[in-house]
Amino acid sequence: MGKSRSNREDTAAETTNAENPGNSSPTKTQDGEANANPAFSGDAASLAKVLEETREFRKDTKEQLNDIKSEITSVNQKIAEAEVRIEKVEDRAQNMEQVLNKVRKVMRQQENKLLDQEGRSRREKEKK
């Protein structure tokens, strides 16, 4: 991404400097006036090339941005799906904990009943 941009900028700068070595600005003459002299028609071609490269760069950048946007949308959708699944799992875990607590309570009651029955059975055996 960054390499092709740098190469385009270097190419545009080299073209401008090669065609107009005495002028660092391709849009102005040495006097600072607008580029109206036909002797600088090479500058117009250079500017047209820079403009074309800039448009191409913008097009490439826009395509890359659209790709990134679509990837982000896709990732956001996957995250939303994962959040829904996680929420369901958390609900199930909470329900399982409630059921487990109820089972423990019933088990304690049954153990108490068993101990009571065993105690009664022993006492009855002792009476006989």
C-alpha atoms as a PDB file:
ATOM      1  CA  MET A   1       0.000   0.000   0.000  1.00  0.00           C
ATOM      2  CA  GLY A   2       2.557   2.584   1.137  1.00  0.00           C
ATOM      3  CA  LYS A   3       5.260   1.485  -1.307  1.00  0.00           C
ATOM      4  CA  SER A   4       3.284   2.177  -4.479  1.00  0.00           C
ATOM      5  CA  ARG A   5       2.281   5.598  -3.181  1.00  0.00           C
ATOM      6  CA  SER A   6       5.884   6.471  -2.415  1.00  0.00           C
ATOM      7  CA  ASN A   7       6.986   5.280  -5.859  1.00  0.00           C
ATOM      8  CA  ARG A   8       4.312   7.398  -7.554  1.00  0.00           C
ATOM      9  CA  GLU A   9       5.351  10.473  -5.585  1.00  0.00           C
ATOM     10  CA  ASP A  10       9.025   9.869  -6.427  1.00  0.00           C
ATOM     11  CA  THR A  11       8.182   9.433 -10.127  1.00  0.00           C
ATOM     12  CA  ALA A  12       6.120  12.610 -10.187  1.00  0.00           C
ATOM     13  CA  ALA A  13       8.854  14.575  -8.418  1.00  0.00           C
ATOM     14  CA  GLU A  14      11.562  13.243 -10.760  1.00  0.00           C
ATOM     15  CA  THR A  15       9.469  14.099 -13.814  1.00  0.00           C
ATOM     16  CA  THR A  16       8.876  17.623 -12.554  1.00  0.00           C
ATOM     17  CA  ASN A  17      12.536  18.191 -11.655  1.00  0.00           C
ATOM     18  CA  ALA A  18      13.803  16.742 -14.957  1.00  0.00           C
ATOM     19  CA  GLU A  19      11.571  18.943 -17.067  1.00  0.00           C
ATOM     20  CA  ASN A  20      12.079  22.123 -15.066  1.00  0.00           C
ATOM     21  CA  PRO A  21      15.370  21.969 -13.119  1.00  0.00           C
ATOM     22  CA  GLY A  22      15.461  25.653 -12.230  1.00  0.00           C
ATOM     23  CA  ASN A  23      11.985  25.726 -10.760  1.00  0.00           C
ATOM     24  CA  SER A  24      11.049  23.771  -7.650  1.00  0.00           C
ATOM     25  CA  SER A  25       7.326  24.467  -8.146  1.00  0.00           C
ATOM     26  CA  PRO A  26       5.750  23.028 -11.281  1.00  0.00           C
ATOM     27  CA  THR A  27       2.825  25.438 -11.168  1.00  0.00           C
ATOM     28  CA  LYS A  28       4.703  28.747 -11.055  1.00  0.00           C
ATOM     29  CA  THR A  29       7.419  30.360 -13.127  1.00  0.00           C
ATOM     30  CA  GLN A  30      10.541  31.877 -11.596  1.00  0.00           C
ATOM     31  CA  ASP A  31       8.724  35.200 -11.255  1.00  0.00           C
ATOM     32  CA  GLY A  32       5.901  33.530  -9.300  1.00  0.00           C
ATOM     33  CA  GLU A  33       3.286  34.071 -12.019  1.00  0.00           C
ATOM     34  CA  ALA A  34       0.819  31.465 -13.271  1.00  0.00           C
ATOM     35  CA  ASN A  35       2.115  28.982 -15.844  1.00  0.00           C
ATOM     36  CA  ALA A  36       0.980  30.660 -19.114  1.00  0.00           C
ATOM     37  CA  ASN A  37       4.195  30.385 -21.145  1.00  0.00           C
ATOM     38  CA  PRO A  38       4.071  27.723 -23.921  1.00  0.00           C
ATOM     39  CA  ALA A  39       7.715  26.874 -23.142  1.00  0.00           C
ATOM     40  CA  PHE A  40       6.427  25.195 -20.007  1.00  0.00           C
ATOM     41  CA  SER A  41       4.025  22.873 -21.854  1.00  0.00           C
ATOM     42  CA  GLY A  42       6.073  19.989 -20.411  1.00  0.00           C
ATOM     43  CA  ASP A  43       4.904  21.122 -16.990  1.00  0.00           C
ATOM     44  CA  ALA A  44       1.298  20.756 -18.103  1.00  0.00           C
ATOM     45  CA  ALA A  45       1.979  17.190 -19.203  1.00  0.00           C
ATOM     46  CA  SER A  46       3.758  16.569 -15.928  1.00  0.00           C
ATOM     47  CA  LEU A  47       0.870  18.038 -13.984  1.00  0.00           C
ATOM     48  CA  ALA A  48      -1.564  15.938 -15.990  1.00  0.00           C
ATOM     49  CA  LYS A  49       0.481  12.844 -15.124  1.00  0.00           C
ATOM     50  CA  VAL A  50       0.555  13.822 -11.446  1.00  0.00           C
ATOM     51  CA  LEU A  51      -3.203  14.411 -11.577  1.00  0.00           C
ATOM     52  CA  GLU A  52      -3.747  11.011 -13.201  1.00  0.00           C
ATOM     53  CA  GLU A  53      -1.563   9.319 -10.593  1.00  0.00           C
ATOM     54  CA  THR A  54      -3.368  11.157  -7.806  1.00  0.00           C
ATOM     55  CA  ARG A  55      -6.734  10.031  -9.158  1.00  0.00           C
ATOM     56  CA  GLU A  56      -5.464   6.469  -9.463  1.00  0.00           C
ATOM     57  CA  PHE A  57      -4.140   6.634  -5.914  1.00  0.00           C
ATOM     58  CA  ARG A  58      -7.481   7.943  -4.651  1.00  0.00           C
ATOM     59  CA  LYS A  59      -9.296   5.165  -6.528  1.00  0.00           C
ATOM     60  CA  ASP A  60      -6.981   2.522  -5.039  1.00  0.00           C
ATOM     61  CA  THR A  61      -7.364   4.046  -1.585  1.00  0.00           C
ATOM     62  CA  LYS A  62     -11.153   4.122  -1.930  1.00  0.00           C
ATOM     63  CA  GLU A  63     -11.200   0.454  -2.967  1.00  0.00           C
ATOM     64  CA  GLN A  64      -8.997  -0.471  -0.027  1.00  0.00           C
ATOM     65  CA  LEU A  65     -11.201   1.546   2.325  1.00  0.00           C
ATOM     66  CA  ASN A  66     -14.299  -0.221   1.012  1.00  0.00           C
ATOM     67  CA  ASP A  67     -12.582  -3.584   1.517  1.00  0.00           C
ATOM     68  CA  ILE A  68     -11.694  -2.619   5.078  1.00  0.00           C
ATOM     69  CA  LYS A  69     -15.251  -1.441   5.728  1.00  0.00           C
ATOM     70  CA  SER A  70     -16.693  -4.722   4.469  1.00  0.00           C
ATOM     71  CA  GLU A  71     -14.236  -6.700   6.616  1.00  0.00           C
ATOM     72  CA  ILE A  72     -15.173  -4.635   9.668  1.00  0.00           C
ATOM     73  CA  THR A  73     -18.860  -5.199   8.949  1.00  0.00           C
ATOM     74  CA  SER A  74     -18.231  -8.928   8.645  1.00  0.00           C
ATOM     75  CA  VAL A  75     -16.255  -9.011  11.892  1.00  0.00           C
ATOM     76  CA  ASN A  76     -18.928  -6.982  13.701  1.00  0.00           C
ATOM     77  CA  GLN A  77     -21.563  -9.441  12.509  1.00  0.00           C
ATOM     78  CA  LYS A  78     -19.490 -12.385  13.748  1.00  0.00           C
ATOM     79  CA  ILE A  79     -18.982 -10.644  17.097  1.00  0.00           C
ATOM     80  CA  ALA A  80     -22.728 -10.045  17.412  1.00  0.00           C
ATOM     81  CA  GLU A  81     -23.406 -13.726  16.677  1.00  0.00           C
ATOM     82  CA  ALA A  82     -20.792 -14.764  19.219  1.00  0.00           C
ATOM     83  CA  GLU A  83     -22.319 -12.451  21.832  1.00  0.00           C
ATOM     84  CA  VAL A  84     -25.732 -14.046  21.279  1.00  0.00           C
ATOM     85  CA  ARG A  85     -24.254 -17.537  21.641  1.00  0.00           C
ATOM     86  CA  ILE A  86     -22.342 -16.511  24.766  1.00  0.00           C
ATOM     87  CA  GLU A  87     -25.502 -15.035  26.264  1.00  0.00           C
ATOM     88  CA  LYS A  88     -27.352 -18.316  25.634  1.00  0.00           C
ATOM     89  CA  VAL A  89     -24.549 -20.320  27.239  1.00  0.00           C
ATOM     90  CA  GLU A  90     -24.520 -18.001  30.257  1.00  0.00           C
ATOM     91  CA  ASP A  91     -28.299 -18.423  30.618  1.00  0.00           C
ATOM     92  CA  ARG A  92     -27.941 -22.202  30.420  1.00  0.00           C
ATOM     93  CA  ALA A  93     -25.163 -22.170  33.006  1.00  0.00           C
ATOM     94  CA  GLN A  94     -27.289 -20.057  35.343  1.00  0.00           C
ATOM     95  CA  ASN A  95     -30.258 -22.410  34.889  1.00  0.00           C
ATOM     96  CA  MET A  96     -28.025 -25.419  35.523  1.00  0.00           C
ATOM     97  CA  GLU A  97     -26.758 -23.838  38.747  1.00  0.00           C
ATOM     98  CA  GLN A  98     -30.337 -23.291  39.920  1.00  0.00           C
ATOM     99  CA  VAL A  99     -31.265 -26.889  39.087  1.00  0.00           C
ATOM    100  CA  LEU A 100     -28.116 -28.167  40.784  1.00  0.00           C
ATOM    101  CA  ASN A 101     -28.943 -26.208  43.949  1.00  0.00           C
ATOM    102  CA  LYS A 102     -32.463 -27.666  43.951  1.00  0.00           C
ATOM    103  CA  VAL A 103     -31.048 -31.195  43.486  1.00  0.00           C
ATOM    104  CA  ARG A 104     -28.635 -30.635  46.378  1.00  0.00           C
ATOM    105  CA  LYS A 105     -31.512 -29.480  48.585  1.00  0.00           C
ATOM    106  CA  VAL A 106     -33.611 -32.532  47.679  1.00  0.00           C
ATOM    107  CA  MET A 107     -30.611 -34.803  48.218  1.00  0.00           C
ATOM    108  CA  ARG A 108     -30.065 -33.367  51.724  1.00  0.00           C
ATOM    109  CA  GLN A 109     -33.737 -33.915  52.515  1.00  0.00           C
ATOM    110  CA  GLN A 110     -33.532 -37.508  51.273  1.00  0.00           C
ATOM    111  CA  GLU A 111     -30.354 -38.149  53.294  1.00  0.00           C
ATOM    112  CA  ASN A 112     -32.092 -36.784  56.399  1.00  0.00           C
ATOM    113  CA  LYS A 113     -35.112 -38.994  55.747  1.00  0.00           C
ATOM    114  CA  LEU A 114     -32.840 -42.034  55.250  1.00  0.00           C
ATOM    115  CA  LEU A 115     -31.001 -41.347  58.495  1.00  0.00           C
ATOM    116  CA  ASP A 116     -34.318 -40.967  60.289  1.00  0.00           C
ATOM    117  CA  GLN A 117     -35.624 -44.229  58.830  1.00  0.00           C
ATOM    118  CA  GLU A 118     -32.429 -46.065  59.762  1.00  0.00           C
ATOM    119  CA  GLY A 119     -32.689 -44.716  63.301  1.00  0.00           C
ATOM    120  CA  ARG A 120     -36.302 -45.786  63.597  1.00  0.00           C
ATOM    121  CA  SER A 121     -35.504 -49.222  62.195  1.00  0.00           C
ATOM    122  CA  ARG A 122     -32.731 -49.721  64.768  1.00  0.00           C
ATOM    123  CA  ARG A 123     -34.934 -48.636  67.606  1.00  0.00           C
ATOM    124  CA  GLU A 124     -37.687 -51.035  66.485  1.00  0.00           C
ATOM    125  CA  LYS A 125     -35.192 -53.910  66.297  1.00  0.00           C
ATOM    126  CA  GLU A 126     -33.993 -53.105  69.786  1.00  0.00           C
ATOM    127  CA  LYS A 127     -37.542 -53.203  71.147  1.00  0.00           C
ATOM    128  CA  LYS A 128     -38.113 -56.691  69.850  1.00  0.00           C
END
